[in-house]
Protein backbone atom coordinates (compact mmCIF):
# COMPACT_ATOMS: atom_id res chain seq x y z
CA MET A 1 -24.20 19.23 46.11
CA ARG A 2 -22.25 15.61 45.91
CA THR A 3 -25.03 14.28 44.00
CA ARG A 4 -24.97 17.18 41.54
CA TRP A 5 -21.34 16.96 40.86
CA ILE A 6 -21.98 13.01 40.78
CA GLY A 7 -24.98 13.58 38.24
CA LEU A 8 -22.61 15.96 35.84
CA VAL A 9 -19.99 13.54 35.56
CA LEU A 10 -22.49 10.87 34.53
CA VAL A 11 -23.93 12.97 31.76
CA VAL A 12 -20.32 13.76 30.60
CA LEU A 13 -19.39 10.32 30.66
CA ALA A 14 -22.53 9.54 28.61
CA ILE A 15 -22.05 12.63 26.15
CA ALA A 16 -18.27 10.56 25.28
CA GLY A 17 -19.73 7.38 25.06
CA LEU A 18 -21.75 8.45 22.55
CA ALA A 19 -19.13 10.21 20.88
CA CYS A 20 -16.90 7.33 20.26
CA SER A 21 -19.63 4.98 19.35
CA PHE A 22 -20.24 7.59 16.51
CA SER A 23 -16.46 7.77 15.79
CA ALA A 24 -16.82 4.06 15.19
CA SER A 25 -19.62 4.04 13.16
CA VAL A 26 -18.24 6.95 10.81
CA ALA A 27 -14.75 4.50 10.27
CA GLU A 28 -16.66 1.48 9.24
CA PRO A 29 -17.03 2.64 5.42
CA THR A 30 -13.38 3.21 5.23
CA ALA A 31 -12.96 -0.33 6.04
CA THR A 32 -15.44 -1.57 3.57
CA THR A 33 -14.62 0.77 0.58
CA ALA A 34 -11.18 -0.72 0.16
CA PRO A 35 -12.60 -4.02 -1.60
CA ALA A 36 -14.55 -1.94 -3.87
CA ALA A 37 -11.58 -0.13 -5.24
CA ALA A 38 -9.81 -3.66 -5.91
CA ALA A 39 -12.83 -4.94 -7.85
CA VAL A 40 -12.70 -1.72 -9.94
CA ALA A 41 -8.71 -1.87 -10.58
CA ALA A 42 -9.28 -5.93 -11.15
CA THR A 43 -11.53 -4.66 -14.27
CA VAL A 44 -8.84 -2.62 -15.77
CA PRO A 45 -7.18 -4.98 -18.60
CA PRO A 46 -3.34 -5.28 -17.69
CA ALA A 47 -1.06 -3.59 -19.74
CA ALA A 48 0.58 -5.36 -22.66
CA ALA A 49 3.99 -7.01 -21.63
CA SER A 50 6.60 -4.10 -22.60
CA PRO A 51 8.86 -4.75 -25.35
CA GLY A 52 12.72 -4.93 -24.99
CA GLY A 53 12.49 -6.06 -21.23
CA LYS A 54 11.35 -3.00 -20.13
CA PRO A 55 8.88 -2.68 -17.13
CA ASP A 56 5.25 -3.34 -17.62
CA THR A 57 4.41 0.21 -16.20
CA PRO A 58 6.85 3.13 -16.48
CA PRO A 59 8.23 5.00 -13.55
CA GLY A 60 4.88 6.75 -12.72
CA ASP A 61 4.45 11.05 -13.20
CA ASP A 62 7.62 12.02 -14.76
CA SER A 63 7.48 15.89 -15.33
CA ALA A 64 11.13 15.98 -16.22
CA PRO A 65 11.52 16.42 -20.22
CA PRO A 66 13.50 13.89 -22.36
CA PRO A 67 17.05 14.28 -22.43
CA ALA A 68 17.85 17.50 -24.68
CA LEU A 69 19.78 16.46 -28.25
CA PRO A 70 23.30 17.95 -28.91
CA ALA A 71 23.30 20.94 -31.35
CA GLY A 72 22.93 20.43 -34.73
CA THR A 73 21.76 16.58 -34.34
CA PRO A 74 19.72 15.84 -37.58
CA THR A 75 16.04 14.53 -36.30
CA GLN A 76 13.21 12.82 -37.80
CA PRO A 77 9.18 13.60 -37.44
CA LEU A 78 7.51 10.57 -35.56
CA THR A 79 3.62 11.63 -35.55
CA LEU A 80 1.60 10.32 -33.10
CA VAL A 81 -1.78 10.19 -34.41
CA ASN A 82 -4.53 9.32 -31.48
CA ASN A 83 -7.57 7.22 -32.50
CA SER A 84 -8.01 5.32 -29.32
CA GLY A 85 -11.38 6.93 -28.32
CA LEU A 86 -9.54 8.11 -24.83
CA ALA A 87 -6.99 11.42 -24.02
CA VAL A 88 -3.16 10.36 -24.56
CA CYS A 89 -1.63 11.55 -21.44
CA TYR A 90 1.81 10.04 -21.43
CA VAL A 91 3.99 9.28 -24.25
CA TYR A 92 7.52 7.27 -23.97
CA ILE A 93 9.67 7.15 -26.76
CA SER A 94 12.81 4.85 -25.51
CA PRO A 95 15.85 3.64 -27.32
CA THR A 96 15.37 -0.11 -27.95
CA THR A 97 18.65 -0.79 -26.00
CA ASP A 98 17.61 1.30 -22.71
CA SER A 99 16.08 -1.15 -20.01
CA THR A 100 13.77 1.70 -18.90
CA TRP A 101 10.88 3.72 -20.36
CA GLY A 102 12.68 7.12 -19.62
CA ALA A 103 10.97 10.25 -19.29
CA ASP A 104 7.39 11.43 -20.57
CA TRP A 105 7.51 13.03 -23.71
CA LEU A 106 4.27 15.27 -23.30
CA GLY A 107 5.48 16.66 -19.84
CA SER A 108 3.27 17.52 -16.85
CA THR A 109 0.95 19.48 -18.80
CA GLU A 110 -0.04 18.68 -22.31
CA THR A 111 -2.34 15.56 -23.64
CA ILE A 112 -3.29 14.42 -27.11
CA SER A 113 -7.05 14.19 -27.75
CA ASN A 114 -8.93 11.54 -29.42
CA GLY A 115 -8.60 12.75 -33.09
CA ALA A 116 -5.78 14.47 -32.70
CA SER A 117 -2.19 14.35 -33.39
CA ARG A 118 1.11 15.26 -32.29
CA ALA A 119 4.49 15.23 -33.91
CA PHE A 120 7.84 14.78 -31.79
CA ASP A 121 11.26 15.55 -33.38
CA VAL A 122 14.21 12.13 -32.83
CA ALA A 123 17.47 11.11 -33.91
CA ALA A 124 17.37 8.41 -36.32
CA GLY A 125 17.48 5.09 -34.43
CA THR A 126 15.32 2.06 -33.19
CA TYR A 127 12.86 2.86 -30.62
CA ASP A 128 10.20 1.38 -28.31
CA LEU A 129 6.94 3.27 -28.21
CA ARG A 130 4.46 3.76 -25.76
CA ALA A 131 1.17 5.61 -25.56
CA ASP A 132 -0.93 5.71 -22.05
CA ASP A 133 -4.32 7.15 -21.09
CA CYS A 134 -4.49 9.62 -18.04
CA SER A 135 -4.77 6.82 -15.62
CA HIS A 136 -1.60 5.51 -17.16
CA THR A 137 -3.24 2.09 -18.95
CA ALA A 138 -1.09 1.42 -21.59
CA LEU A 139 -3.01 1.98 -25.07
CA SER A 140 -0.30 1.19 -27.22
CA THR A 141 3.00 -0.37 -27.19
CA GLN A 142 5.40 -1.03 -30.09
CA GLY A 143 9.02 -2.13 -29.97
CA ALA A 144 11.82 -1.92 -32.21
CA THR A 145 10.43 0.87 -34.29
CA SER A 146 12.62 2.23 -37.05
CA VAL A 147 12.99 5.68 -37.34
CA SER A 148 14.85 6.58 -40.51
CA GLY A 149 12.80 9.16 -41.99
CA ALA A 150 8.92 10.47 -41.51
CA VAL A 151 7.17 7.39 -39.34
CA THR A 152 3.51 8.02 -38.20
CA TRP A 153 2.55 6.11 -35.30
CA THR A 154 -1.43 5.34 -34.73
CA VAL A 155 -3.05 4.83 -31.62
CA SER A 156 -6.05 2.51 -32.49
CA ALA A 157 -9.24 1.55 -30.37
CA ALA A 158 -9.24 -1.59 -29.21
CA PRO A 159 -11.81 -4.05 -30.81
CA ALA A 160 -15.24 -4.33 -29.37
CA GLY A 161 -17.15 -7.69 -28.93
CA PRO A 162 -20.77 -8.26 -30.06
CA SER A 163 -21.57 -6.65 -26.67
CA GLY A 164 -18.92 -3.95 -26.29
CA SER A 165 -16.62 -6.55 -24.83
CA ALA A 166 -12.79 -5.32 -24.30
CA PRO A 167 -10.04 -8.03 -25.68
CA SER A 168 -9.67 -8.90 -22.39
CA THR A 169 -13.05 -10.67 -22.32
CA GLY A 170 -12.69 -12.70 -25.56
CA GLY A 171 -11.46 -10.51 -28.33
CA LEU A 172 -8.01 -10.22 -30.39
CA ASP A 173 -5.73 -7.64 -28.42
CA PHE A 174 -3.14 -5.75 -30.53
CA GLY A 175 -1.83 -4.60 -27.26
CA ALA A 176 -0.23 -8.08 -26.10
CA SER A 177 2.79 -9.44 -27.34
CA PRO A 178 2.73 -11.59 -30.24
CA ASN A 179 3.54 -14.93 -29.95
CA TYR A 180 5.98 -15.71 -32.66
CA GLY A 181 7.76 -12.50 -32.74
CA SER A 182 8.01 -9.60 -34.79
CA VAL A 183 9.83 -8.16 -37.61
CA SER A 184 10.66 -4.51 -38.45
CA LEU A 185 10.31 -4.16 -42.20
CA ALA A 186 11.03 -1.31 -44.93
CA ALA A 187 9.69 -0.79 -48.53
CA GLY A 188 11.98 -3.16 -51.00
CA PHE A 189 13.10 -4.99 -48.16
CA THR A 190 15.26 -8.20 -49.18
CA PRO A 191 15.33 -11.10 -48.75
CA ASP A 192 11.28 -11.21 -50.30
CA PRO A 193 9.22 -13.07 -48.78
CA SER A 194 10.13 -12.58 -44.97
CA SER A 195 8.77 -16.00 -43.62
CA THR A 196 8.38 -17.34 -40.05
CA SER A 197 7.00 -20.61 -38.67
CA VAL A 198 3.66 -20.30 -36.84
CA THR A 199 1.10 -22.45 -35.37
CA SER A 200 -2.46 -21.61 -36.09
CA GLY A 201 -5.72 -21.74 -33.49
CA GLY A 202 -6.94 -20.59 -30.32
CA SER A 203 -10.15 -20.28 -28.29
CA VAL A 204 -11.29 -16.54 -29.44
CA SER A 205 -14.09 -16.81 -32.47
CA VAL A 206 -13.28 -13.87 -34.81
CA SER A 207 -16.62 -13.91 -36.48
CA TYR A 208 -17.47 -10.74 -34.06
CA LEU A 209 -15.45 -8.83 -36.27
CA GLY A 210 -17.72 -8.71 -38.99
CA SER A 211 -16.71 -8.26 -42.91
CA GLY A 212 -15.90 -12.19 -43.34
CA CYS A 213 -13.84 -12.52 -40.51
CA THR A 214 -14.08 -16.27 -39.36
CA GLY A 215 -11.82 -18.97 -37.83
CA TYR A 216 -10.59 -19.48 -34.31
CA ALA A 217 -7.37 -17.66 -32.97
CA THR A 218 -5.54 -16.56 -29.67
CA ALA A 219 -6.07 -13.25 -28.02
CA SER A 220 -2.49 -12.16 -28.87
CA PRO A 221 -1.18 -11.46 -32.22
CA ASP A 222 0.48 -14.40 -33.68
CA PHE A 223 3.34 -12.11 -35.45
CA ARG A 224 3.83 -8.18 -35.75
CA ILE A 225 5.15 -6.21 -38.58
CA ASN A 226 6.85 -2.90 -38.04
CA TRP A 227 6.38 -1.37 -41.46
CA SER A 228 7.96 1.86 -43.26
CA GLY A 229 8.20 3.57 -46.13
CA SER A 230 6.05 3.73 -48.86
CA SER A 231 4.79 0.41 -51.21
CA SER A 232 1.90 -0.20 -53.55
CA ARG A 233 1.16 -3.38 -51.48
CA LEU A 234 2.03 -5.87 -49.10
CA ARG A 235 0.83 -9.12 -49.36
CA ILE A 236 0.46 -11.32 -45.96
CA PHE A 237 -0.57 -15.43 -46.74
CA PHE A 238 0.08 -18.33 -44.61
CA VAL A 239 0.73 -21.95 -45.91
CA ALA A 240 -0.38 -24.92 -43.95
CA SER A 241 2.22 -27.61 -44.06
CA GLY A 242 -0.47 -30.51 -44.52
CA GLY A 243 -3.35 -28.72 -46.61
CA GLU A 244 -5.34 -28.10 -43.46
CA ASP A 245 -8.16 -25.00 -43.39
CA THR A 246 -6.91 -21.87 -41.90
CA THR A 247 -7.85 -18.46 -41.83
CA LEU A 248 -6.01 -14.44 -41.59
CA ILE A 249 -6.66 -11.85 -39.27
CA VAL A 250 -4.80 -8.47 -40.09
CA ASN A 251 -5.04 -5.24 -37.93
CA ASP A 252 -3.02 -2.32 -40.09
CA ALA A 253 -0.83 0.37 -38.79
CA GLY A 254 -4.34 2.73 -39.27
CA GLY A 255 -6.39 0.17 -37.01
CA GLY A 256 -8.43 -1.43 -39.65
CA TRP A 257 -9.63 -5.06 -39.96
CA HIS A 258 -8.54 -7.29 -42.89
CA CYS A 259 -9.67 -11.07 -42.75
CA ASN A 260 -9.46 -13.84 -45.44
CA ASP A 261 -10.24 -17.53 -45.85
CA ASP A 262 -9.34 -19.43 -48.69
CA SER A 263 -7.28 -17.45 -50.79
CA ALA A 264 -5.61 -20.48 -53.14
CA GLY A 265 -7.26 -23.60 -51.92
CA LEU A 266 -7.48 -23.63 -48.17
CA ASP A 267 -4.45 -21.23 -47.57
CA PRO A 268 -5.68 -17.38 -46.78
CA MET A 269 -3.87 -14.12 -48.05
CA VAL A 270 -4.60 -10.71 -46.99
CA GLU A 271 -3.50 -7.70 -49.35
CA LEU A 272 -2.62 -4.33 -47.60
CA THR A 273 -3.10 -1.47 -50.42
CA ASN A 274 -0.54 1.28 -49.68
CA PRO A 275 0.27 0.07 -46.08
CA ALA A 276 0.55 3.08 -43.78
CA ALA A 277 3.54 3.02 -41.53
CA GLY A 278 3.28 1.62 -37.77
CA GLN A 279 2.03 -1.42 -36.13
CA ILE A 280 0.57 -4.57 -38.19
CA ASP A 281 -0.76 -7.28 -36.31
CA VAL A 282 -1.24 -10.92 -37.97
CA TRP A 283 -3.35 -13.48 -36.35
CA VAL A 284 -3.45 -17.07 -38.20
CA GLY A 285 -6.74 -18.56 -37.66
CA SER A 286 -8.09 -22.39 -37.44
CA TYR A 287 -11.26 -22.65 -39.34
CA ALA A 288 -12.50 -25.44 -37.02
CA SER A 289 -12.46 -24.72 -33.47
CA GLY A 290 -9.91 -27.03 -31.38
CA ASP A 291 -7.66 -27.20 -34.60
CA PHE A 292 -4.20 -26.22 -34.36
CA VAL A 293 -2.27 -25.89 -37.78
CA SER A 294 1.45 -25.65 -38.45
CA GLY A 295 3.00 -23.80 -41.54
CA THR A 296 4.74 -20.77 -42.72
CA LEU A 297 3.59 -17.23 -42.35
CA TYR A 298 5.10 -14.75 -45.67
CA VAL A 299 5.30 -11.25 -46.19
CA SER A 300 5.93 -9.78 -49.50
CA GLU A 301 5.80 -7.08 -51.87
CA LEU A 302 5.81 -9.76 -54.73
CA SER A 303 3.19 -10.93 -56.90
CA ILE A 304 3.12 -14.65 -54.97
CA GLY A 305 0.80 -16.24 -52.88
CA PRO A 306 -0.02 -19.22 -51.53
CA GLY A 307 -0.27 -21.24 -54.43
CA ASP A 308 3.22 -20.75 -55.10
CA TYR A 309 4.07 -22.53 -52.41
CA ALA A 310 0.91 -25.25 -51.89
CA SER A 311 1.90 -28.84 -52.93
CA GLY A 312 5.70 -27.87 -53.07
CA GLY A 313 5.10 -24.90 -54.75
CA SER A 314 4.31 -26.33 -58.20
CA SER A 315 0.57 -24.67 -58.61
CA SER A 316 0.59 -22.35 -61.98
CA SER A 317 -0.57 -18.66 -62.24
CA SER A 318 -3.96 -18.46 -63.68
CA SER A 319 -2.62 -18.21 -67.03
CA GLY A 320 0.11 -20.67 -66.68
CA THR A 321 2.29 -18.07 -68.78
CA LEU A 322 4.71 -15.07 -68.44
CA ASP A 323 2.84 -12.11 -69.19
CA TYR A 324 5.09 -9.20 -70.79
CA GLY A 325 2.12 -6.91 -70.82
CA ALA A 326 1.97 -7.12 -66.94
CA SER A 327 3.48 -4.15 -64.81
CA PRO A 328 7.27 -5.18 -63.93
CA ASN A 329 7.75 -6.46 -59.96
CA TYR A 330 10.90 -4.23 -59.81
CA GLY A 331 10.54 -1.18 -62.05
CA SER A 332 11.73 -0.22 -65.30
CA VAL A 333 14.65 2.00 -66.88
CA SER A 334 15.35 3.71 -69.91
CA LEU A 335 18.43 2.83 -71.04
CA SER A 336 20.17 4.32 -74.73
CA ALA A 337 23.20 2.69 -76.08
CA GLY A 338 26.65 4.20 -74.54
CA PHE A 339 24.62 4.49 -71.44
CA THR A 340 26.27 5.60 -68.02
CA PRO A 341 27.05 4.23 -64.98
CA ASP A 342 27.31 0.85 -66.84
CA PRO A 343 26.60 -1.66 -65.45
CA HIS A 344 23.19 -0.82 -64.49
CA THR A 345 22.10 -2.75 -61.72
CA THR A 346 18.85 -3.76 -59.60
CA SER A 347 17.86 -5.89 -56.42
CA VAL A 348 15.56 -8.47 -57.44
CA THR A 349 14.56 -11.59 -55.85
CA SER A 350 14.00 -14.60 -58.44
CA GLY A 351 10.94 -17.20 -58.35
CA GLY A 352 7.19 -17.51 -58.92
CA SER A 353 4.34 -20.11 -60.22
CA VAL A 354 4.98 -19.98 -63.39
CA SER A 355 7.10 -22.94 -65.16
CA ALA A 356 8.82 -21.59 -67.64
CA SER A 357 9.81 -24.61 -69.62
CA TYR A 358 6.75 -24.42 -71.88
CA LEU A 359 8.65 -21.64 -73.91
CA GLY A 360 10.86 -24.58 -74.94
CA GLY A 361 14.60 -23.61 -76.36
CA GLY A 362 16.24 -24.86 -73.08
CA CYS A 363 14.44 -22.25 -70.98
CA THR A 364 13.66 -23.68 -67.32
CA GLY A 365 12.94 -22.29 -64.23
CA TYR A 366 9.92 -20.69 -62.11
CA ALA A 367 8.97 -16.92 -62.52
CA THR A 368 6.21 -14.61 -61.41
CA ALA A 369 3.88 -14.07 -64.50
CA SER A 370 4.80 -10.68 -64.37
CA PRO A 371 8.36 -9.36 -65.52
CA ASP A 372 10.71 -8.96 -62.97
CA PHE A 373 12.21 -5.51 -64.76
CA ARG A 374 11.56 -3.91 -67.82
CA ILE A 375 14.37 -2.04 -70.35
CA ASN A 376 13.21 0.57 -72.70
CA TRP A 377 16.10 0.39 -75.09
CA SER A 378 17.04 2.66 -77.77
CA GLY A 379 20.29 3.31 -80.15
CA THR A 380 22.75 0.86 -81.82
CA SER A 381 24.93 -1.55 -80.09
CA SER A 382 26.47 -4.15 -80.74
CA ARG A 383 25.42 -6.28 -77.74
CA LEU A 384 23.47 -5.94 -74.73
CA ARG A 385 24.18 -8.02 -71.94
CA ILE A 386 21.95 -9.37 -69.20
CA PHE A 387 22.92 -11.51 -66.03
CA PHE A 388 22.24 -11.89 -62.58
CA VAL A 389 24.24 -12.62 -59.17
CA ALA A 390 22.42 -14.74 -56.46
CA SER A 391 23.20 -13.37 -53.03
CA GLY A 392 24.09 -17.22 -51.69
CA GLY A 393 25.26 -18.94 -54.95
CA ASN A 394 21.63 -20.28 -55.04
CA ASP A 395 20.33 -21.61 -58.64
CA THR A 396 19.02 -19.10 -60.93
CA THR A 397 17.67 -18.86 -64.48
CA LEU A 398 17.34 -16.07 -66.86
CA ILE A 399 13.92 -15.18 -69.47
CA VAL A 400 14.46 -12.39 -71.88
CA ASN A 401 11.71 -11.18 -74.09
CA SER A 402 13.44 -9.17 -76.53
CA ALA A 403 11.91 -5.87 -78.14
CA THR A 404 11.33 -8.18 -81.44
CA GLY A 405 9.47 -10.72 -79.64
CA SER A 406 12.01 -13.67 -79.33
CA TRP A 407 12.69 -15.57 -76.26
CA VAL A 408 16.09 -15.69 -75.04
CA CYS A 409 17.05 -17.99 -71.97
CA ASN A 410 19.99 -19.40 -70.08
CA ASP A 411 20.72 -21.29 -66.98
CA ASP A 412 24.20 -21.75 -65.35
CA TYR A 413 26.37 -19.33 -67.30
CA SER A 414 28.75 -19.04 -64.59
CA GLY A 415 28.77 -21.51 -61.69
CA ARG A 416 24.63 -21.20 -61.20
CA ASP A 417 24.07 -17.59 -62.27
CA PRO A 418 22.79 -16.89 -65.86
CA LEU A 419 23.85 -14.92 -68.28
CA VAL A 420 21.77 -13.65 -71.58
CA ASP A 421 23.36 -11.63 -74.82
CA LEU A 422 21.41 -10.02 -77.07
CA ASN A 423 23.18 -9.17 -80.09
CA ASN A 424 22.49 -5.89 -81.92
CA PRO A 425 19.09 -5.45 -79.83
CA GLY A 426 16.56 -3.50 -81.22
CA ALA A 427 14.90 -0.45 -79.90
CA GLY A 428 11.81 -1.36 -78.20
CA GLN A 429 10.77 -3.07 -74.63
CA ILE A 430 12.84 -5.70 -73.14
CA ASP A 431 11.03 -7.19 -70.39
CA VAL A 432 13.14 -9.78 -67.87
CA TRP A 433 12.04 -12.66 -65.94
CA VAL A 434 14.28 -13.94 -63.29
CA GLY A 435 13.66 -18.02 -62.20
CA SER A 436 14.68 -20.17 -59.67
CA TYR A 437 15.77 -23.46 -60.79
CA SER A 438 13.59 -25.20 -58.14
CA SER A 439 9.56 -24.87 -57.61
CA GLY A 440 8.95 -22.75 -54.66
CA ALA A 441 12.65 -21.44 -53.89
CA PHE A 442 12.91 -17.10 -53.82
CA VAL A 443 16.23 -15.92 -54.74
CA SER A 444 17.61 -12.55 -53.77
CA GLY A 445 20.42 -11.19 -55.87
CA THR A 446 21.27 -8.31 -58.16
CA LEU A 447 20.01 -8.01 -61.95
CA TYR A 448 22.73 -6.25 -64.10
CA VAL A 449 22.66 -4.57 -67.51
CA THR A 450 25.81 -3.66 -69.52
CA GLU A 451 27.06 -2.86 -72.77
CA LEU A 452 30.84 -3.98 -71.72
CA SER A 453 32.54 -7.95 -70.78
CA TYR A 454 31.26 -8.21 -67.38
CA THR A 455 29.95 -11.40 -65.88
CA PRO A 456 28.38 -13.09 -62.99
CA SER A 457 31.83 -14.04 -61.66
CA SER A 458 33.46 -10.78 -62.96
CA HIS A 459 31.69 -7.43 -61.90
CA PRO A 460 32.12 -4.23 -60.16
């Protein structure tokens, strides 16, 4: 009997040993799966550095709604258009002054599918924006976005390389923080142009974008424009300090790519027609690998380009003359004798590539070929006075083509501000150019039209 019990005990011990061995063999795959998960995580592109000093990642799944606005607070529509190719599952609209991203504006159940859009009602202000996919990877971050009217925020797909490679493997990354900062501009901005110092070049060959894109740039944008408002065009151009060969690559707010090389000499320019509101990213490339070229990046709504600045800004336009048949840069007005309010005013920025000295008669300064302003005049008046007041006291000139076709010019009527009187002006089209006395200078200020005795030193 003892022998049988001993046998049973041995059998039980053997079974227990097998069970332990089996349990250990099942546990081993758990230990080997961790490195695989880490490898997958390592292939996910890191989120772009967040604007405004905010954390790189929001605080997880936050189902709490964003703070409710006080009753009666006026709001503006901020519309997110999802062209990313993925679903947007988290949206953060955080005041730029806040140090955190705050709540997810979509909540715990809502998503924005690819190709769809979603409007958010927000109070007027300046916000940092972030959209994440369902794994909390940032698809778009946009800093210091001014919301003073309807704004469209387009979340675009990342550019693919020759074999579908993502920006982290050698493409341009419009989700990254720009090397030389950003600016918020609205249609009609002043001073125009806006400018910033940039050095071109980098390790990424942009030829994979096709469409004539060339040169070498950094993966991160060099500059970012947060654009709002409605304008017929926005010009972006670069002028190299020493005349070296550079290129431009621009990703517009709708996700489209625009490139240029050698718009004027070796300097590039991109023109965006009817630019959509949102984030515009700019890269300045060097034509040759390994080159790094310092210079100035310009953003303008005017009829100016690299040729207005090259070689000290002395290059002329294609015709070298003022063209009163062209559309005016800052619009036009129809005025009749006795008009009110008097004076009529408009904001203008002086300067351009055409030297007005060819007109003779004391005409001087540099202006665009197109008029800056047009007056469609009617009625009978003894005098129509036109003058310009520079914002910073810089030296400007006036060139006026009257309705009879005669040219009238002035420089330094009052200090450095010019004034032209048209005595007994004939009815018809009067074109006005505001010139800069120095080549390459662009001066913002106010143009006045009056029948009264106002002057640059004495005006409302």
